[in-house]
Protein backbone atom coordinates (compact mmCIF):
# COMPACT_ATOMS: atom_id res chain seq x y z
CA MET A 1 -127.51 -13.04 -38.75
CA GLY A 2 -128.62 -11.06 -34.99
CA ASN A 3 -125.55 -12.61 -34.10
CA LYS A 4 -123.27 -10.78 -37.08
CA LYS A 5 -124.62 -7.51 -36.15
CA LEU A 6 -123.94 -7.90 -32.56
CA GLN A 7 -119.89 -8.85 -33.86
CA VAL A 8 -120.14 -5.95 -35.92
CA TRP A 9 -121.84 -3.52 -33.37
CA LEU A 10 -119.13 -4.91 -30.02
CA PRO A 11 -116.71 -3.20 -30.29
CA LEU A 12 -118.34 0.02 -30.58
CA LEU A 13 -120.53 -0.87 -27.06
CA PHE A 14 -117.59 -2.11 -25.29
CA ALA A 15 -115.82 1.35 -26.21
CA MET A 16 -118.93 2.68 -24.90
CA VAL A 17 -119.61 0.56 -21.82
CA MET A 18 -115.55 1.08 -21.04
CA VAL A 19 -115.08 5.11 -21.75
CA VAL A 20 -118.73 6.36 -20.76
CA GLY A 21 -119.14 3.82 -17.65
CA MET A 22 -115.23 4.59 -16.37
CA MET A 23 -116.47 8.49 -15.34
CA ILE A 24 -117.27 6.65 -12.05
CA GLY A 25 -114.08 7.28 -11.05
CA TYR A 26 -113.77 10.89 -11.04
CA GLN A 27 -116.32 10.17 -7.98
CA LEU A 28 -113.04 8.26 -5.61
CA LYS A 29 -110.95 11.53 -6.46
CA GLY A 30 -109.48 12.53 -2.53
CA LYS A 31 -110.69 9.52 -1.22
CA THR A 32 -107.26 7.58 -2.98
CA LEU A 33 -103.77 8.83 -3.73
CA GLY A 34 -104.32 11.65 -5.94
CA ASN A 35 -104.74 11.42 -9.87
CA ARG A 36 -100.77 11.44 -10.29
CA PHE A 37 -98.64 7.84 -10.30
CA LEU A 38 -95.85 8.37 -7.66
CA SER A 39 -92.60 9.22 -9.11
CA LEU A 40 -90.22 6.42 -8.44
CA ASN A 41 -86.35 7.39 -8.67
CA LYS A 42 -84.94 3.53 -9.29
CA ARG A 43 -85.90 2.27 -12.64
CA ASN A 44 -87.26 -1.03 -12.94
CA SER A 45 -87.07 -3.62 -15.49
CA LEU A 46 -90.00 -2.29 -17.39
CA GLN A 47 -88.75 0.94 -17.95
CA GLU A 48 -85.29 -0.65 -18.89
CA LEU A 49 -87.14 -2.79 -21.45
CA VAL A 50 -88.88 -0.15 -22.96
CA GLU A 51 -85.86 2.32 -22.84
CA LEU A 52 -83.89 -0.85 -24.44
CA ILE A 53 -87.00 -0.91 -27.44
CA LYS A 54 -86.59 2.69 -28.33
CA SER A 55 -82.90 2.99 -28.75
CA ARG A 56 -81.64 -0.57 -30.12
CA TYR A 57 -84.88 -2.17 -32.14
CA VAL A 58 -84.66 -2.79 -35.74
CA ASP A 59 -87.11 -0.48 -37.28
CA LYS A 60 -87.93 3.03 -36.26
CA LEU A 61 -90.72 3.50 -33.28
CA SER A 62 -91.98 6.65 -31.90
CA SER A 63 -92.55 6.78 -27.90
CA ASP A 64 -95.93 7.42 -28.26
CA SER A 65 -96.31 4.22 -30.21
CA ILE A 66 -93.70 2.04 -27.67
CA ASN A 67 -95.74 4.01 -24.53
CA GLN A 68 -99.19 2.72 -26.04
CA LEU A 69 -98.23 -0.70 -27.09
CA ALA A 70 -96.68 -1.05 -23.16
CA ALA A 71 -99.34 0.25 -21.36
CA GLY A 72 -102.33 -0.83 -23.62
CA GLN A 73 -100.85 -4.92 -22.68
CA LEU A 74 -99.99 -4.30 -19.40
CA LEU A 75 -103.78 -3.14 -18.73
CA SER A 76 -105.39 -5.71 -20.53
CA LEU A 77 -103.69 -8.25 -18.41
CA LEU A 78 -105.50 -6.38 -14.97
CA ASP A 79 -109.29 -6.33 -16.46
CA PRO A 80 -111.59 -5.28 -19.56
CA HIS A 81 -111.89 -1.75 -18.04
CA SER A 82 -108.93 -0.14 -17.29
CA VAL A 83 -106.99 1.37 -20.50
CA TYR A 84 -104.42 3.68 -21.46
CA ILE A 85 -105.34 6.66 -23.61
CA PRO A 86 -102.95 8.55 -25.18
CA ALA A 87 -102.55 12.63 -25.20
CA MET A 88 -103.33 13.12 -28.43
CA ASP A 89 -106.27 11.53 -27.70
CA LEU A 90 -107.79 12.58 -24.46
CA LYS A 91 -109.25 15.84 -25.20
CA GLU A 92 -111.45 14.31 -27.40
CA VAL A 93 -112.41 11.47 -24.92
CA ASN A 94 -112.67 13.59 -22.01
CA GLU A 95 -115.40 16.30 -23.84
CA GLU A 96 -117.27 13.06 -25.03
CA LEU A 97 -117.10 12.21 -21.01
CA MET A 98 -118.18 15.71 -19.98
CA GLY A 99 -121.57 15.84 -22.98
CA ASN A 100 -120.20 19.18 -24.36
CA PHE A 101 -117.60 19.89 -27.37
CA GLN A 102 -116.79 23.33 -29.64
CA GLY A 103 -117.99 23.59 -32.85
CA ILE A 104 -120.82 24.97 -34.58
CA GLY A 105 -123.69 22.53 -34.11
CA VAL A 106 -125.04 20.77 -36.95
CA GLU A 107 -125.74 16.50 -37.19
CA PHE A 108 -124.77 15.80 -41.33
CA GLN A 109 -125.15 12.81 -43.35
CA LEU A 110 -122.41 12.58 -46.69
CA PHE A 111 -124.74 11.96 -49.91
CA ASN A 112 -122.81 11.41 -52.96
CA ASP A 113 -119.50 12.90 -51.28
CA THR A 114 -121.69 16.45 -50.20
CA LEU A 115 -122.32 17.15 -47.36
CA ASN A 116 -126.00 17.68 -46.24
CA VAL A 117 -127.41 19.55 -42.91
CA MET A 118 -129.31 16.62 -41.81
CA ASN A 119 -130.20 18.68 -38.39
CA VAL A 120 -129.45 22.32 -36.85
CA ILE A 121 -129.43 22.52 -33.18
CA GLU A 122 -131.73 25.05 -31.86
CA GLY A 123 -129.77 27.87 -30.23
CA GLY A 124 -126.45 26.86 -31.31
CA PRO A 125 -123.28 28.66 -33.46
CA ALA A 126 -124.95 27.26 -36.85
CA ALA A 127 -128.28 28.51 -36.21
CA ARG A 128 -127.87 32.02 -34.99
CA ALA A 129 -125.63 31.68 -38.45
CA HIS A 130 -128.66 30.91 -40.15
CA VAL A 131 -127.61 27.46 -41.00
CA GLN A 132 -130.77 25.58 -42.71
CA VAL A 133 -131.58 21.76 -42.88
CA GLY A 134 -130.48 20.56 -46.90
CA ASP A 135 -127.73 23.29 -47.05
CA LYS A 136 -125.07 21.44 -48.59
CA PHE A 137 -121.63 22.72 -47.70
CA ILE A 138 -119.01 23.16 -50.76
CA LYS A 139 -116.18 24.76 -49.34
CA VAL A 140 -114.45 25.39 -45.82
CA ASN A 141 -112.35 28.84 -44.93
CA ASP A 142 -112.70 29.44 -48.48
CA SER A 143 -110.21 27.38 -49.64
CA ILE A 144 -110.70 23.94 -48.35
CA THR A 145 -113.17 22.37 -50.82
CA ILE A 146 -115.11 19.25 -49.34
CA ALA A 147 -117.65 18.90 -52.18
CA GLY A 148 -117.14 15.93 -54.73
CA LYS A 149 -113.95 14.32 -52.33
CA LYS A 150 -113.82 11.06 -50.65
CA LEU A 151 -113.88 12.34 -47.04
CA ARG A 152 -115.09 10.75 -43.91
CA ALA A 153 -117.12 11.91 -41.35
CA ASP A 154 -114.08 12.97 -38.98
CA ASP A 155 -112.28 14.88 -41.20
CA VAL A 156 -115.04 16.94 -41.93
CA ARG A 157 -115.82 17.39 -38.08
CA LYS A 158 -112.42 18.28 -37.70
CA LEU A 159 -112.66 21.24 -40.04
CA LEU A 160 -115.71 22.21 -38.26
CA ARG A 161 -114.72 21.98 -35.02
CA GLY A 162 -112.01 24.54 -32.95
CA ALA A 163 -111.97 26.76 -30.11
CA MET A 164 -114.81 28.71 -28.70
CA ASN A 165 -115.14 31.92 -30.31
CA THR A 166 -113.07 31.35 -33.24
CA ASN A 167 -114.70 31.87 -36.63
CA VAL A 168 -115.30 29.22 -39.78
CA LYS A 169 -116.27 29.96 -43.22
CA VAL A 170 -118.39 27.96 -45.26
CA GLN A 171 -119.45 28.20 -49.11
CA VAL A 172 -123.27 26.58 -48.95
CA LEU A 173 -125.73 25.69 -51.28
CA ARG A 174 -128.89 26.44 -51.08
CA GLY A 175 -131.07 25.18 -53.37
CA ASN A 176 -129.62 26.98 -56.51
CA GLU A 177 -128.14 29.38 -54.46
CA THR A 178 -124.82 29.89 -53.35
CA VAL A 179 -124.69 31.15 -49.98
CA TYR A 180 -121.46 32.20 -48.17
CA ILE A 181 -122.04 32.27 -44.20
CA THR A 182 -119.35 32.67 -41.20
CA ILE A 183 -120.08 31.14 -37.81
CA THR A 184 -118.74 31.55 -34.31
CA ARG A 185 -117.87 28.42 -33.38
CA GLY A 186 -119.12 27.81 -29.72
CA THR A 187 -119.54 25.17 -26.86
CA ILE A 188 -122.59 22.65 -27.72
CA MET A 189 -124.08 20.56 -25.02
CA VAL A 190 -124.74 16.89 -26.03
CA PRO A 191 -128.49 16.37 -23.59
CA THR A 192 -128.21 13.30 -21.86
CA VAL A 193 -132.18 13.46 -21.16
CA ASP A 194 -133.04 11.84 -24.60
CA ALA A 195 -136.96 12.34 -24.14
CA ALA A 196 -139.75 13.46 -21.17
CA TYR A 197 -143.05 13.32 -21.89
CA MET A 198 -146.40 12.72 -21.10
CA ILE A 199 -146.60 9.04 -22.11
CA GLU A 200 -150.54 8.03 -20.84
CA ALA A 201 -152.95 10.12 -18.82
CA GLY A 202 -151.22 9.97 -15.44
CA THR A 203 -148.58 8.42 -16.46
CA GLY A 204 -144.58 9.82 -17.31
CA TYR A 205 -141.90 8.35 -19.59
CA ILE A 206 -138.37 10.30 -19.13
CA ARG A 207 -135.02 8.17 -21.11
CA ILE A 208 -131.39 8.97 -20.10
CA ASN A 209 -128.83 7.95 -22.82
CA LYS A 210 -125.68 8.45 -20.16
CA PHE A 211 -124.92 10.11 -16.78
CA GLY A 212 -122.85 13.13 -17.83
CA GLU A 213 -122.22 16.47 -15.70
CA ARG A 214 -125.94 18.00 -16.13
CA THR A 215 -127.72 14.67 -15.82
CA TYR A 216 -129.36 14.92 -12.91
CA GLU A 217 -129.92 18.93 -13.57
CA GLU A 218 -131.39 17.44 -16.93
CA PHE A 219 -133.82 15.06 -14.97
CA MET A 220 -134.64 17.07 -12.34
CA GLN A 221 -136.27 19.56 -15.13
CA SER A 222 -138.24 16.62 -16.99
CA LEU A 223 -139.30 15.52 -13.60
CA GLU A 224 -141.09 18.57 -12.46
CA LYS A 225 -142.38 19.31 -16.17
CA LEU A 226 -144.48 16.21 -15.87
CA GLN A 227 -145.28 16.87 -12.40
CA LYS A 228 -147.09 19.87 -13.11
CA GLN A 229 -148.59 18.00 -16.05
CA GLY A 230 -150.37 16.15 -14.14
CA MET A 231 -147.84 12.75 -13.77
CA LYS A 232 -148.58 10.13 -11.04
CA GLN A 233 -146.81 6.74 -12.56
CA LEU A 234 -143.34 6.74 -14.39
CA VAL A 235 -141.32 4.68 -16.83
CA LEU A 236 -137.96 5.65 -16.49
CA ASP A 237 -135.76 4.07 -19.66
CA LEU A 238 -132.34 3.37 -19.14
CA ARG A 239 -131.86 0.67 -22.00
CA GLY A 240 -128.55 1.51 -23.67
CA ASN A 241 -127.29 3.34 -21.19
CA GLY A 242 -123.47 2.39 -20.73
CA GLY A 243 -123.28 4.98 -17.40
CA GLY A 244 -121.81 7.14 -16.76
CA LEU A 245 -121.24 9.94 -13.67
CA LEU A 246 -121.53 7.96 -10.42
CA LYS A 247 -122.80 11.07 -8.40
CA GLU A 248 -125.44 11.47 -11.39
CA ALA A 249 -126.76 8.28 -10.79
CA ILE A 250 -126.84 8.59 -6.97
CA ASP A 251 -128.48 11.97 -6.84
CA ILE A 252 -131.55 10.74 -8.85
CA ALA A 253 -131.94 7.81 -6.90
CA ASP A 254 -131.94 10.05 -3.83
CA GLU A 255 -135.32 11.58 -5.85
CA PHE A 256 -137.03 8.05 -5.45
CA LEU A 257 -135.62 6.84 -1.95
CA SER A 258 -136.87 7.86 1.26
CA GLY A 259 -135.08 8.51 4.33
CA ASP A 260 -131.15 7.76 4.37
CA LYS A 261 -131.48 4.71 2.53
CA MET A 262 -127.94 3.56 1.27
CA ILE A 263 -127.78 3.65 -2.40
CA VAL A 264 -124.24 1.97 -3.13
CA TYR A 265 -121.06 1.68 -1.51
CA THR A 266 -117.62 1.47 -3.37
CA GLU A 267 -114.43 -0.75 -2.24
CA GLY A 268 -111.03 -1.62 -2.99
CA SER A 269 -107.86 -3.21 -1.79
CA HIS A 270 -106.33 -0.05 -1.50
CA VAL A 271 -109.61 2.10 -1.20
CA PRO A 272 -111.70 1.71 1.97
CA ARG A 273 -115.25 1.61 1.84
CA PHE A 274 -117.38 4.54 1.05
CA GLU A 275 -121.06 4.44 1.23
CA TYR A 276 -123.48 7.02 -0.33
CA HIS A 277 -126.90 7.67 1.55
CA CYS A 278 -129.77 9.22 0.57
CA LYS A 279 -129.44 13.19 1.85
CA ARG A 280 -133.05 14.98 1.24
CA ASP A 281 -136.48 14.60 0.44
CA GLY A 282 -136.96 13.24 -2.93
CA LEU A 283 -139.67 14.74 -5.43
CA PHE A 284 -140.80 10.91 -6.41
CA GLU A 285 -140.87 8.88 -3.48
CA THR A 286 -143.97 7.36 -3.75
CA GLY A 287 -146.04 6.19 -7.15
CA LYS A 288 -145.22 3.52 -9.09
CA LEU A 289 -141.98 3.04 -10.94
CA MET A 290 -141.23 1.31 -14.03
CA VAL A 291 -137.63 0.92 -14.75
CA LEU A 292 -136.13 -0.39 -18.37
CA ILE A 293 -133.03 -2.17 -18.92
CA ASP A 294 -131.52 -4.43 -21.57
CA GLU A 295 -128.15 -6.22 -22.36
CA THR A 296 -126.43 -2.41 -23.26
CA SER A 297 -127.53 -0.75 -19.65
CA ALA A 298 -124.11 -0.40 -17.54
CA SER A 299 -122.21 0.44 -14.56
CA ALA A 300 -124.11 3.68 -12.87
CA SER A 301 -127.52 2.64 -14.78
CA GLU A 302 -126.94 -1.01 -12.72
CA VAL A 303 -126.01 1.78 -9.60
CA LEU A 304 -129.36 3.17 -10.11
CA SER A 305 -131.36 0.26 -11.01
CA GLY A 306 -130.12 -1.84 -8.72
CA ALA A 307 -130.69 0.34 -5.48
CA LEU A 308 -134.10 0.92 -6.68
CA GLN A 309 -134.58 -2.70 -6.90
CA ASP A 310 -133.16 -3.72 -3.28
CA TRP A 311 -135.49 -1.40 -1.98
CA ASP A 312 -138.25 -2.28 -3.69
CA ARG A 313 -139.03 0.98 -4.73
CA ALA A 314 -139.10 0.38 -8.59
CA THR A 315 -139.84 -2.68 -10.80
CA ILE A 316 -137.35 -3.50 -13.36
CA VAL A 317 -138.23 -4.52 -16.76
CA GLY A 318 -136.44 -5.58 -19.69
CA ARG A 319 -133.44 -7.72 -20.23
CA ARG A 320 -130.56 -8.71 -17.76
CA SER A 321 -128.34 -6.36 -17.86
CA PHE A 322 -124.74 -5.51 -19.06
CA GLY A 323 -122.61 -6.48 -15.68
CA LYS A 324 -120.22 -3.59 -14.74
CA GLY A 325 -119.69 -3.31 -11.31
CA LEU A 326 -115.71 -2.19 -11.75
CA VAL A 327 -115.17 1.57 -10.62
CA GLN A 328 -112.25 3.31 -12.69
CA GLN A 329 -110.42 6.94 -11.60
CA GLN A 330 -108.21 8.77 -14.17
CA PHE A 331 -104.56 9.36 -13.42
CA GLN A 332 -102.58 11.97 -15.64
CA LEU A 333 -99.03 10.50 -17.02
CA SER A 334 -96.06 12.98 -17.26
CA ASP A 335 -96.39 12.88 -21.29
CA GLY A 336 -99.77 14.43 -21.16
CA SER A 337 -101.44 11.01 -21.43
CA ALA A 338 -103.42 9.36 -19.13
CA VAL A 339 -104.83 5.96 -17.60
CA ARG A 340 -107.77 5.08 -16.19
CA LEU A 341 -107.35 2.34 -13.66
CA THR A 342 -109.96 0.02 -12.14
CA VAL A 343 -110.01 0.63 -8.32
CA ALA A 344 -112.66 -0.33 -6.82
CA ARG A 345 -115.65 -2.07 -7.06
CA TYR A 346 -118.90 -1.34 -6.40
CA PHE A 347 -121.92 -2.96 -4.82
CA THR A 348 -125.86 -2.78 -4.16
CA PRO A 349 -127.58 -1.93 -0.54
CA LEU A 350 -127.83 -5.30 -0.09
CA GLY A 351 -124.38 -5.79 -1.27
CA ARG A 352 -124.52 -7.32 -4.32
CA ASN A 353 -121.64 -6.73 -6.69
CA ILE A 354 -123.07 -7.04 -10.35
CA GLN A 355 -119.07 -7.48 -12.52
CA LYS A 356 -119.49 -10.38 -14.66
CA PRO A 357 -116.79 -12.50 -14.79
CA TYR A 358 -113.07 -11.86 -16.57
CA ASN A 359 -111.25 -14.33 -15.13
CA LYS A 360 -111.05 -15.92 -18.80
CA GLY A 361 -109.91 -13.15 -20.30
CA LYS A 362 -111.11 -10.03 -22.31
CA LYS A 363 -111.64 -12.00 -25.13
CA GLU A 364 -114.75 -14.54 -23.79
CA TYR A 365 -115.47 -11.56 -21.54
CA GLU A 366 -116.50 -9.82 -24.53
CA ALA A 367 -118.00 -12.37 -26.38
CA GLU A 368 -120.40 -12.87 -23.31
CA LEU A 369 -122.72 -10.56 -24.64
CA ILE A 370 -122.87 -12.25 -27.57
CA GLU A 371 -123.50 -15.77 -25.97
CA ARG A 372 -126.60 -14.48 -24.43
CA PHE A 373 -127.58 -14.35 -28.03
CA HIS A 374 -126.33 -18.12 -28.87
CA ASP A 375 -127.88 -19.71 -25.85
CA GLY A 376 -130.88 -18.07 -26.22
CA GLU A 377 -131.25 -16.03 -23.05
CA VAL A 378 -132.20 -12.77 -25.01
CA ILE A 379 -135.64 -14.63 -26.11
CA LYS A 380 -136.58 -17.24 -23.27
CA GLY A 381 -135.16 -14.78 -20.51
CA ASP A 382 -132.25 -15.29 -17.71
CA THR A 383 -130.52 -18.39 -18.17
CA ALA A 384 -127.36 -17.38 -16.74
CA LYS A 385 -125.79 -19.44 -14.23
CA HIS A 386 -125.39 -16.76 -11.26
CA GLU A 387 -121.81 -16.42 -9.47
CA THR A 388 -123.22 -15.22 -6.31
CA LYS A 389 -125.33 -16.39 -3.48
CA PRO A 390 -129.31 -15.30 -3.62
CA TYR A 391 -130.14 -11.85 -2.19
CA LYS A 392 -133.68 -11.29 -0.50
CA THR A 393 -135.34 -7.66 -0.59
CA PRO A 394 -137.09 -6.27 2.18
CA GLY A 395 -140.07 -6.99 -0.03
CA GLY A 396 -139.22 -10.80 0.12
CA ARG A 397 -137.73 -10.82 -3.76
CA ILE A 398 -134.79 -12.93 -4.68
CA VAL A 399 -132.02 -11.19 -6.21
CA TYR A 400 -128.65 -12.12 -7.75
CA GLY A 401 -125.16 -10.84 -8.03
CA GLY A 402 -122.73 -11.55 -10.41
CA GLY A 403 -123.69 -10.81 -13.91
CA GLY A 404 -125.83 -7.67 -14.19
CA ILE A 405 -128.88 -6.52 -12.72
CA THR A 406 -131.97 -9.51 -13.21
CA PRO A 407 -135.13 -7.83 -14.13
CA ASP A 408 -138.72 -8.47 -12.54
CA VAL A 409 -140.28 -8.45 -16.04
CA PHE A 410 -138.52 -10.20 -18.67
CA VAL A 411 -139.25 -8.57 -22.11
CA PRO A 412 -137.82 -10.56 -25.08
CA TYR A 413 -135.34 -9.27 -27.59
CA ASP A 414 -137.31 -8.86 -31.02
CA THR A 415 -135.72 -11.06 -33.19
CA THR A 416 -137.42 -9.00 -36.37
CA GLN A 417 -134.95 -6.89 -35.72
CA SER A 418 -132.08 -9.49 -36.55
CA ASP A 419 -133.26 -10.31 -40.04
CA PRO A 420 -130.46 -10.16 -42.79
CA THR A 421 -132.30 -7.84 -45.14
CA LEU A 422 -133.13 -5.30 -42.71
CA SER A 423 -129.63 -5.52 -41.26
CA LYS A 424 -128.58 -3.96 -44.25
CA LEU A 425 -130.83 -1.15 -44.10
CA TYR A 426 -129.49 0.04 -40.78
CA PHE A 427 -125.68 -0.44 -41.73
CA ARG A 428 -126.03 1.13 -45.28
CA ASN A 429 -128.15 4.02 -43.41
CA THR A 430 -131.09 3.43 -45.86
CA LEU A 431 -133.63 4.93 -43.84
CA SER A 432 -132.46 7.64 -42.41
CA ASN A 433 -131.46 8.60 -45.55
CA PHE A 434 -134.75 8.18 -47.08
CA VAL A 435 -136.45 10.12 -44.34
CA TYR A 436 -134.12 12.75 -44.73
CA HIS A 437 -134.68 12.98 -48.84
CA TYR A 438 -138.68 12.49 -48.34
CA TYR A 439 -139.03 15.16 -45.87
CA MET A 440 -136.76 18.07 -48.13
CA GLU A 441 -139.35 16.74 -50.78
CA HIS A 442 -142.61 17.47 -48.64
CA ARG A 443 -140.77 19.74 -46.33
CA SER A 444 -143.81 22.41 -46.37
CA THR A 445 -146.49 19.26 -45.58
CA PHE A 446 -144.33 18.24 -42.58
CA GLN A 447 -143.76 21.90 -41.57
CA SER A 448 -147.64 22.45 -40.59
CA PHE A 449 -147.72 19.16 -38.28
CA GLN A 450 -147.78 20.38 -34.36
CA SER A 451 -146.63 17.17 -32.91
CA ALA A 452 -145.02 13.86 -33.34
CA GLU A 453 -148.34 11.97 -32.33
CA LEU A 454 -149.76 12.90 -35.86
CA ILE A 455 -146.33 11.20 -37.96
CA PRO A 456 -148.12 7.70 -38.53
CA GLY A 457 -151.32 8.73 -39.46
CA LYS A 458 -149.34 11.16 -42.26
CA PHE A 459 -146.21 9.38 -43.40
CA MET A 460 -145.81 6.31 -44.74
CA ASN A 461 -149.69 4.78 -44.31
CA ASN A 462 -150.40 4.40 -47.96
CA GLU A 463 -148.78 2.43 -50.83
CA SER A 464 -147.84 5.32 -52.55
CA ASP A 465 -145.31 6.31 -49.82
CA TRP A 466 -144.32 2.19 -49.38
CA GLN A 467 -143.22 2.09 -53.17
CA SER A 468 -141.16 5.28 -52.90
CA PHE A 469 -139.52 3.57 -50.30
CA LEU A 470 -139.18 0.00 -51.95
CA SER A 471 -137.46 2.31 -55.10
CA PHE A 472 -134.87 3.86 -52.57
CA ALA A 473 -133.95 0.85 -51.26
CA GLN A 474 -133.69 -0.54 -54.60
CA ARG A 475 -130.88 2.26 -55.70
CA ASP A 476 -129.15 1.29 -52.68
CA SER A 477 -129.05 -2.17 -53.60
CA VAL A 478 -131.71 -3.93 -51.04
CA VAL A 479 -134.38 -5.49 -52.85
CA LEU A 480 -136.93 -5.44 -50.46
CA THR A 481 -140.06 -7.26 -52.63
CA GLY A 482 -141.77 -9.62 -51.01
CA ILE A 483 -141.01 -9.26 -47.80
CA LYS A 484 -143.16 -10.81 -45.00
CA ASN A 485 -145.87 -8.41 -43.31
CA LYS A 486 -143.90 -8.36 -39.91
CA ASP A 487 -140.79 -6.91 -41.73
CA ARG A 488 -142.92 -4.06 -43.26
CA THR A 489 -144.81 -3.44 -40.10
CA GLU A 490 -140.70 -2.84 -38.67
CA ILE A 491 -139.75 -0.61 -41.43
CA THR A 492 -142.77 1.47 -41.62
CA ASN A 493 -142.67 1.85 -37.70
CA ARG A 494 -138.93 2.81 -37.48
CA LEU A 495 -139.04 5.00 -40.74
CA GLN A 496 -141.97 7.17 -38.84
CA ALA A 497 -140.12 6.80 -35.70
CA LEU A 498 -137.15 8.88 -38.03
CA MET A 499 -139.11 11.23 -39.57
CA ALA A 500 -140.41 12.32 -36.04
CA ARG A 501 -136.65 12.75 -35.21
CA GLN A 502 -136.22 14.54 -38.49
CA ILE A 503 -138.22 17.55 -37.20
CA TRP A 504 -137.94 17.19 -33.52
CA ARG A 505 -135.24 14.93 -32.88
CA THR A 506 -134.60 12.38 -30.29
CA PRO A 507 -138.03 14.04 -28.43
CA GLY A 508 -139.69 13.18 -31.60
CA TYR A 509 -138.55 9.79 -32.44
CA TYR A 510 -138.88 8.67 -28.50
CA GLU A 511 -142.69 9.85 -28.65
CA VAL A 512 -143.42 7.60 -32.03
CA GLN A 513 -141.03 4.85 -31.31
CA ASN A 514 -143.06 3.86 -27.93
CA GLN A 515 -146.04 3.21 -29.74
CA THR A 516 -144.72 0.11 -31.26
CA ASP A 517 -141.51 -0.37 -28.62
CA ALA A 518 -142.37 -4.48 -26.55
CA THR A 519 -140.75 -2.89 -23.51
CA VAL A 520 -142.49 -0.40 -23.03
CA GLN A 521 -145.95 -1.15 -23.79
CA LYS A 522 -145.12 -4.15 -20.72
CA ALA A 523 -144.65 -1.23 -18.74
CA LEU A 524 -147.67 0.56 -19.70
CA GLN A 525 -149.79 -2.94 -18.64
CA LEU A 526 -147.86 -3.52 -15.64
CA LEU A 527 -148.59 0.17 -14.07
CA LYS A 528 -152.58 -0.33 -15.07
């Protein structure tokens, strides 16, 4: 059933890896021919075919559809990470890549066709307009009723997002009171550092979810904060990090490596070799360092972890990373669309290219991740047949390329998460929905809590809370009576972490989640 769960999420995973990871190519601008294709005076057979379809095909087709189909099919024959971006999608894609968007700054969920505000981003436009957690949005701009209608989350986002400094009027139900609020839209920054805190005395923890425009800045603020709190050793969590801007990963590596050590180099048939070296003294060049990775750590995450592994600077803990060693650059097309084309490969300091093979086609390339579950790799350890020769680090460790970064210390996948009953809870969002409703019913109690670490001792630690959850899940058509103790423990741990997120957002979530996270706990053991 874990494999079925992967099959559901795999398209989203690959989209994340392709879109977020391909930001690396931005760093190659100026080293290639530019960001526009050269104009050709003479039409070729492909151009003639497209024009023929437009003018003679039996059914009516839009030019955008034909261009997208032609470009998509052509790029799919090259490699899995070269993609075409239609003009209508380009702005949204770029916003996501850059880690900000124009909007009002709320997290919401649709319950019974009504938008419920789950969280209000601190300091954001909605917070300044005094929107509150628990508010229910009834109308937008006086005339657009959104309550009681079968709307998708994307439909709601389109109504609430808009250009900076423009206003959106909302009619809100707050308890039994109707409130009218005008919100002036602004830039919403999406943090790339999920959490940074002292996980134990002398030990810091930092989790990075992607490498965006401000990641290095966020990382440095976190690192300096933890050092002031007495941090001597660090756990750096890159699990689930699909990549991002190469420059940000390089700058962070520079904080860990001394001298002018090489961090990574890129090279392609039409792109000469370019090396990235350390440029300054780093803030954490000594002190024990653990880097956590898994099968969803990709691209820039692999650049960072690969460099630290090659120089024996960090112990890599977890499971083999995704295996994306291709670099994309974005080229603007004349109709406003764009293509992100693979122009180079990147190599670790020892010369490893960790791109996994894609010569059997995109379908098998994507299925490779599922195969790791089929063949038991994620349970037993690395069973991959490495495609390249072994490399030896200065400290004598043997490392490989051709299929991701293999960790120094393996931590198996938690099969509890693959239980079919638990999968239903995740897919139907039952856990998050229960937490939100429980929080709203006991809001005054939770508001008195001073830190996330108090949650496990105050929530879901008695039979009454468990029975409340069972009843809620049953209303969501998930029957949990008679489940195994280990499954109950998993559910309880997840609910406690989600409650911490409800109150303190992602930093709170990881402060609680890490208390029972096997990979984090293994890293802490290795640090002792």
